[in-house]
Protein backbone atom coordinates (compact mmCIF):
# COMPACT_ATOMS: atom_id res chain seq x y z
CA UNK A 1 -9.51 15.83 29.95
CA UNK A 2 -11.70 18.11 31.86
CA UNK A 3 -8.84 21.17 32.10
CA UNK A 4 -8.65 20.97 28.41
CA UNK A 5 -12.31 21.78 27.92
CA UNK A 6 -12.22 24.46 30.38
CA UNK A 7 -8.81 26.20 28.87
CA UNK A 8 -10.66 26.23 25.39
CA UNK A 9 -13.90 27.71 26.72
CA UNK A 10 -12.29 30.39 28.74
CA UNK A 11 -10.19 31.29 25.73
CA UNK A 12 -13.09 31.68 23.38
CA UNK A 13 -14.62 33.52 26.25
CA UNK A 14 -11.56 35.98 26.26
CA UNK A 15 -11.27 36.22 22.42
CA UNK A 16 -14.91 37.57 21.88
CA UNK A 17 -14.71 39.99 25.02
CA UNK A 18 -11.48 41.52 23.12
CA UNK A 19 -13.42 41.77 20.30
CA UNK A 20 -16.39 43.53 21.86
CA UNK A 21 -13.96 46.27 23.43
CA UNK A 22 -11.99 47.23 20.17
CA UNK A 23 -15.34 47.72 18.52
CA UNK A 24 -16.50 50.09 21.11
CA UNK A 25 -13.05 51.65 21.28
CA UNK A 26 -12.90 52.35 17.57
CA UNK A 27 -16.73 52.83 16.58
CA UNK A 28 -16.36 49.45 14.80
CA UNK A 29 -19.60 47.34 13.86
CA UNK A 30 -19.45 44.38 16.46
CA UNK A 31 -19.23 41.08 14.59
CA UNK A 32 -21.67 38.36 15.00
CA UNK A 33 -20.58 36.33 18.23
CA UNK A 34 -20.20 32.76 17.82
CA UNK A 35 -22.51 30.23 19.59
CA UNK A 36 -20.38 28.75 22.36
CA UNK A 37 -19.52 25.17 21.80
CA UNK A 38 -21.61 22.74 23.68
CA UNK A 39 -19.92 21.00 26.33
CA UNK A 40 -21.58 17.80 25.49
CA UNK A 41 -20.05 18.17 21.92
CA UNK A 42 -16.87 18.66 23.23
CA UNK A 43 -16.94 15.72 25.67
CA UNK A 44 -18.14 13.24 23.34
CA UNK A 45 -15.41 14.62 20.66
CA UNK A 46 -12.74 14.13 23.26
CA UNK A 47 -14.00 11.08 25.15
CA UNK A 48 -14.11 9.05 21.80
CA UNK A 49 -10.47 8.45 21.93
CA UNK A 50 -11.12 6.65 25.07
CA UNK A 51 -13.34 3.92 25.37
CA UNK A 52 -15.65 3.29 28.33
CA UNK A 53 -14.57 1.47 31.59
CA UNK A 54 -16.31 -1.68 31.71
CA UNK A 55 -16.64 -2.52 35.23
CA UNK A 56 -15.14 -6.33 36.60
CA UNK A 57 -17.64 -8.01 38.73
CA UNK A 58 -16.16 -10.67 40.96
CA UNK A 59 -16.22 -14.23 40.17
CA UNK A 60 -18.72 -16.08 41.82
CA UNK A 61 -17.35 -18.21 44.87
CA UNK A 62 -17.33 -21.63 44.91
CA UNK A 63 -15.91 -24.87 47.00
CA UNK A 64 -12.37 -24.12 45.85
CA UNK A 65 -12.78 -20.35 46.06
CA UNK A 66 -9.54 -18.74 47.74
CA UNK A 67 -10.33 -17.23 51.22
CA UNK A 68 -13.07 -19.79 51.70
CA UNK A 69 -12.25 -22.67 54.06
CA UNK A 70 -12.34 -25.87 52.69
CA UNK A 71 -15.08 -28.55 53.55
CA UNK A 72 -13.40 -30.75 56.52
CA UNK A 73 -12.11 -34.22 54.89
CA UNK A 74 -14.09 -36.97 56.23
CA UNK A 75 -12.63 -39.15 59.20
CA UNK A 76 -10.57 -42.11 57.70
CA UNK A 77 -11.13 -45.33 59.11
CA UNK A 78 -8.35 -46.87 61.21
CA UNK A 79 -6.41 -49.82 59.79
CA UNK A 80 -7.37 -52.94 61.89
CA UNK A 81 -4.62 -54.25 63.97
CA UNK A 82 -2.86 -57.54 62.30
CA UNK A 83 -2.83 -60.35 64.55
CA UNK A 84 0.54 -61.34 66.00
CA UNK A 85 2.27 -64.25 64.21
CA UNK A 86 1.72 -67.09 65.77
CA UNK A 87 5.03 -68.41 67.63
CA UNK A 88 5.99 -72.09 67.99
CA UNK A 89 6.18 -73.62 71.46
CA UNK A 90 8.83 -75.67 73.44
CA UNK A 91 7.91 -79.23 74.68
CA UNK A 92 9.46 -80.97 77.14
CA UNK A 93 9.72 -84.52 77.76
CA UNK A 94 11.07 -86.58 80.94
CA UNK A 95 10.63 -89.77 83.34
CA UNK A 96 12.00 -93.22 83.69
CA UNK A 97 10.80 -96.65 81.71
CA UNK A 98 11.51 -100.06 83.38
CA UNK A 99 10.76 -103.69 82.47
CA UNK A 100 7.31 -104.24 83.74
CA UNK A 101 6.83 -107.98 82.51
CA UNK A 102 8.38 -110.67 80.08
CA UNK A 103 6.95 -109.11 77.13
CA UNK A 104 6.64 -105.15 78.25
CA UNK A 105 8.50 -101.93 79.59
CA UNK A 106 6.35 -99.14 81.17
CA UNK A 107 6.83 -95.67 82.47
CA UNK A 108 7.74 -95.60 86.21
CA UNK A 109 4.34 -93.74 87.52
CA UNK A 110 3.96 -93.75 91.48
CA UNK A 111 4.21 -91.40 94.21
CA UNK A 112 7.68 -90.14 93.64
CA UNK A 113 8.03 -90.82 89.95
CA UNK A 114 6.04 -88.98 87.22
CA UNK A 115 6.64 -89.14 83.65
CA UNK A 116 5.69 -85.97 81.38
CA UNK A 117 5.33 -85.16 77.86
CA UNK A 118 4.98 -88.67 76.98
CA UNK A 119 2.07 -90.65 75.61
CA UNK A 120 3.37 -94.57 76.02
CA UNK A 121 6.08 -96.73 75.57
CA UNK A 122 6.79 -99.50 72.65
CA UNK A 123 9.10 -102.82 72.96
CA UNK A 124 10.61 -103.75 69.92
CA UNK A 125 13.09 -106.60 69.50
CA UNK A 126 16.21 -104.30 69.62
CA UNK A 127 14.95 -101.10 71.30
CA UNK A 128 12.35 -99.41 73.69
CA UNK A 129 10.34 -96.75 71.82
CA UNK A 130 9.09 -93.87 74.04
CA UNK A 131 6.06 -92.07 72.14
CA UNK A 132 5.38 -88.20 72.25
CA UNK A 133 1.83 -86.43 71.95
CA UNK A 134 3.43 -83.97 69.48
CA UNK A 135 4.85 -83.92 66.37
CA UNK A 136 7.81 -81.58 66.61
CA UNK A 137 9.53 -79.40 63.96
CA UNK A 138 13.10 -79.61 65.42
CA UNK A 139 14.71 -81.43 68.38
CA UNK A 140 16.47 -79.14 70.92
CA UNK A 141 18.16 -81.92 73.18
CA UNK A 142 17.46 -85.33 74.60
CA UNK A 143 19.27 -87.72 76.50
CA UNK A 144 19.07 -91.17 78.51
CA UNK A 145 20.85 -93.34 80.95
CA UNK A 146 20.90 -96.12 82.92
CA UNK A 147 20.40 -96.13 87.04
CA UNK A 148 22.86 -97.42 89.50
CA UNK A 149 21.33 -101.08 89.20
CA UNK A 150 21.92 -101.19 85.03
CA UNK A 151 25.26 -99.57 85.45
CA UNK A 152 26.35 -102.13 87.76
CA UNK A 153 25.34 -105.08 85.53
CA UNK A 154 27.24 -103.50 82.88
CA UNK A 155 24.31 -102.19 80.86
CA UNK A 156 24.47 -99.10 78.87
CA UNK A 157 21.90 -96.98 76.59
CA UNK A 158 21.93 -94.79 73.72
CA UNK A 159 19.25 -92.84 71.81
CA UNK A 160 18.14 -91.95 68.44
CA UNK A 161 15.66 -89.39 68.59
CA UNK A 162 12.62 -88.61 66.14
CA UNK A 163 10.44 -85.75 65.89
CA UNK A 164 7.69 -87.69 67.62
CA UNK A 165 9.23 -90.42 69.35
CA UNK A 166 12.70 -91.37 70.88
CA UNK A 167 14.36 -94.85 70.45
CA UNK A 168 16.61 -96.14 73.38
CA UNK A 169 18.93 -98.75 72.46
CA UNK A 170 20.40 -101.22 75.10
CA UNK A 171 24.12 -102.72 75.03
CA UNK A 172 26.09 -105.06 77.35
CA UNK A 173 29.74 -104.27 78.24
CA UNK A 174 31.95 -103.06 75.29
CA UNK A 175 29.46 -104.97 72.90
CA UNK A 176 28.38 -102.94 69.82
CA UNK A 177 25.42 -105.05 69.33
CA UNK A 178 22.11 -103.81 70.65
CA UNK A 179 20.55 -106.32 73.24
CA UNK A 180 16.57 -107.26 73.29
CA UNK A 181 15.13 -105.05 76.26
CA UNK A 182 12.74 -108.36 77.11
CA UNK A 183 15.58 -109.99 78.07
CA UNK A 184 17.08 -107.47 80.59
CA UNK A 185 14.77 -108.42 83.59
CA UNK A 186 16.98 -106.92 86.17
CA UNK A 187 14.17 -105.74 88.98
CA UNK A 188 13.57 -102.16 89.83
CA UNK A 189 16.26 -101.16 86.89
CA UNK A 190 15.54 -97.82 85.52
CA UNK A 191 16.27 -96.22 82.22
CA UNK A 192 16.16 -91.85 82.56
CA UNK A 193 15.34 -90.05 79.83
CA UNK A 194 14.85 -86.06 79.38
CA UNK A 195 14.39 -83.53 76.38
CA UNK A 196 12.95 -80.63 74.76
CA UNK A 197 11.74 -80.04 71.43
CA UNK A 198 10.43 -77.11 69.27
CA UNK A 199 6.77 -77.58 68.20
CA UNK A 200 5.25 -75.39 65.51
CA UNK A 201 2.15 -73.63 65.94
CA UNK A 202 -1.34 -74.73 64.84
CA UNK A 203 -1.96 -74.15 61.01
CA UNK A 204 -4.63 -71.82 60.26
């Protein structure tokens, strides 16, 4: 708006000068020269249509102000490594049993024979029971067979297996009736057995 004020003032000065020159040439009385308009008055009139510019101050910076680096995240605690799940074990049993006395059978345990995975032998009226020191969850395999001494006498055996023991039954020839093992008193005649079991891990 400054150039507008300059042109207006110049026009006023030009008109006044022309009036003076005309009066001097023709001998006229000079008119009263008007007072010049103060620049401040012109400025205030013209600036009334344009409100003053209010400066915009920057917002105070805070923790989330763009451009400012965020504080580092606190370190996270590593998750504990879980203990591996317990796994079942495989127990193996084996050895041989023989008649020891009129009322008992026992494991053959000497310099050349060693039983393993078993705890004791129990004799019943129709079977010999071999006990294990564990309680299995599954039977993998088990077998029992007579040695050459029993085989030559026509003795044969069969096993019924539980999770903590195995029963060995004795038969003569082609008979299907079990024989009382206490009557099989053939000296040095053995029954061999072997097997394996899956035993669950301890509780807890």
